[in-house]
C-alpha atoms as a PDB file:
ATOM      1  CA  MET A   1      94.921  -0.465 -16.021  1.00  0.00           C
ATOM      2  CA  SER A   2      95.281  -1.258 -12.519  1.00  0.00           C
ATOM      3  CA  SER A   3      93.597  -3.071 -10.482  1.00  0.00           C
ATOM      4  CA  GLU A   4      92.607  -0.038  -7.727  1.00  0.00           C
ATOM      5  CA  ALA A   5      91.497   2.259 -10.498  1.00  0.00           C
ATOM      6  CA  GLU A   6      87.689   2.358 -10.581  1.00  0.00           C
ATOM      7  CA  THR A   7      85.914   1.702 -13.898  1.00  0.00           C
ATOM      8  CA  ILE A   8      83.237   4.031 -15.062  1.00  0.00           C
ATOM      9  CA  TYR A   9      80.957   1.687 -14.514  1.00  0.00           C
ATOM     10  CA  GLU A  10      81.607   1.116 -10.448  1.00  0.00           C
ATOM     11  CA  ARG A  11      81.728   4.969 -10.753  1.00  0.00           C
ATOM     12  CA  VAL A  12      78.344   5.426 -11.969  1.00  0.00           C
ATOM     13  CA  ALA A  13      77.202   2.527  -9.878  1.00  0.00           C
ATOM     14  CA  LYS A  14      78.415   4.986  -7.203  1.00  0.00           C
ATOM     15  CA  LEU A  15      76.815   7.855  -8.535  1.00  0.00           C
ATOM     16  CA  GLU A  16      73.591   6.492  -8.945  1.00  0.00           C
ATOM     17  CA  ASP A  17      73.572   5.020  -5.131  1.00  0.00           C
ATOM     18  CA  GLU A  18      74.512   8.613  -3.982  1.00  0.00           C
ATOM     19  CA  ILE A  19      71.620   9.889  -6.263  1.00  0.00           C
ATOM     20  CA  ALA A  20      69.075   7.438  -4.658  1.00  0.00           C
ATOM     21  CA  LEU A  21      70.014   8.460  -1.034  1.00  0.00           C
ATOM     22  CA  LEU A  22      69.600  12.173  -2.243  1.00  0.00           C
ATOM     23  CA  ARG A  23      65.968  11.320  -3.238  1.00  0.00           C
ATOM     24  CA  SER A  24      65.127   9.991  -0.366  1.00  0.00           C
ATOM     25  CA  GLU A  25      66.507  12.453   1.738  1.00  0.00           C
ATOM     26  CA  LEU A  26      64.623  15.460  -0.377  1.00  0.00           C
ATOM     27  CA  ASP A  27      61.333  13.317   0.055  1.00  0.00           C
ATOM     28  CA  ILE A  28      61.473  13.223   4.293  1.00  0.00           C
ATOM     29  CA  ILE A  29      62.688  17.412   3.882  1.00  0.00           C
ATOM     30  CA  LYS A  30      59.389  17.847   1.875  1.00  0.00           C
ATOM     31  CA  ARG A  31      57.270  15.678   3.851  1.00  0.00           C
ATOM     32  CA  ALA A  32      58.502  17.643   7.004  1.00  0.00           C
ATOM     33  CA  PHE A  33      57.492  21.473   5.021  1.00  0.00           C
ATOM     34  CA  ARG A  34      54.035  19.880   4.352  1.00  0.00           C
ATOM     35  CA  ASN A  35      53.454  18.605   7.611  1.00  0.00           C
ATOM     36  CA  LYS A  36      54.654  22.347   9.100  1.00  0.00           C
ATOM     37  CA  ILE A  37      52.372  23.865   6.334  1.00  0.00           C
ATOM     38  CA  ALA A  38      49.393  21.904   7.182  1.00  0.00           C
ATOM     39  CA  ARG A  39      49.940  22.417  10.930  1.00  0.00           C
ATOM     40  CA  HIS A  40      49.884  26.393  10.015  1.00  0.00           C
ATOM     41  CA  GLU A  41      46.850  25.991   7.964  1.00  0.00           C
ATOM     42  CA  ILE A  42      45.093  24.427  11.005  1.00  0.00           C
ATOM     43  CA  SER A  43      45.716  26.882  13.350  1.00  0.00           C
ATOM     44  CA  LEU A  44      44.687  29.437  10.801  1.00  0.00           C
ATOM     45  CA  ILE A  45      41.215  27.961  10.684  1.00  0.00           C
ATOM     46  CA  LYS A  46      41.127  27.550  14.200  1.00  0.00           C
ATOM     47  CA  GLU A  47      41.367  31.127  14.191  1.00  0.00           C
ATOM     48  CA  GLY A  48      38.349  31.394  11.967  1.00  0.00           C
ATOM     49  CA  LYS A  49      40.590  32.401   9.094  1.00  0.00           C
ATOM     50  CA  GLU A  50      39.671  31.279   5.606  1.00  0.00           C
ATOM     51  CA  VAL A  51      42.568  29.037   4.182  1.00  0.00           C
ATOM     52  CA  ASP A  52      42.905  27.834   0.423  1.00  0.00           C
ATOM     53  CA  SER A  53      45.479  25.085   0.715  1.00  0.00           C
ATOM     54  CA  ILE A  54      48.564  24.831  -0.998  1.00  0.00           C
ATOM     55  CA  ILE A  55      49.124  21.291  -0.446  1.00  0.00           C
ATOM     56  CA  ASP A  56      48.298  19.039  -2.992  1.00  0.00           C
END
């Protein structure tokens, strides 16, 4: 095996890092959507409409 060849362990470590980054980005997107939904619910409440929140 050549010294330039990537070992399976190195590849797995890189993939784990990529997964962690994607999870972090997904958390940011989820928070953004929750904020958007919350703002929409607040505007409905201000208009006097009854709202059942879908945010946990």
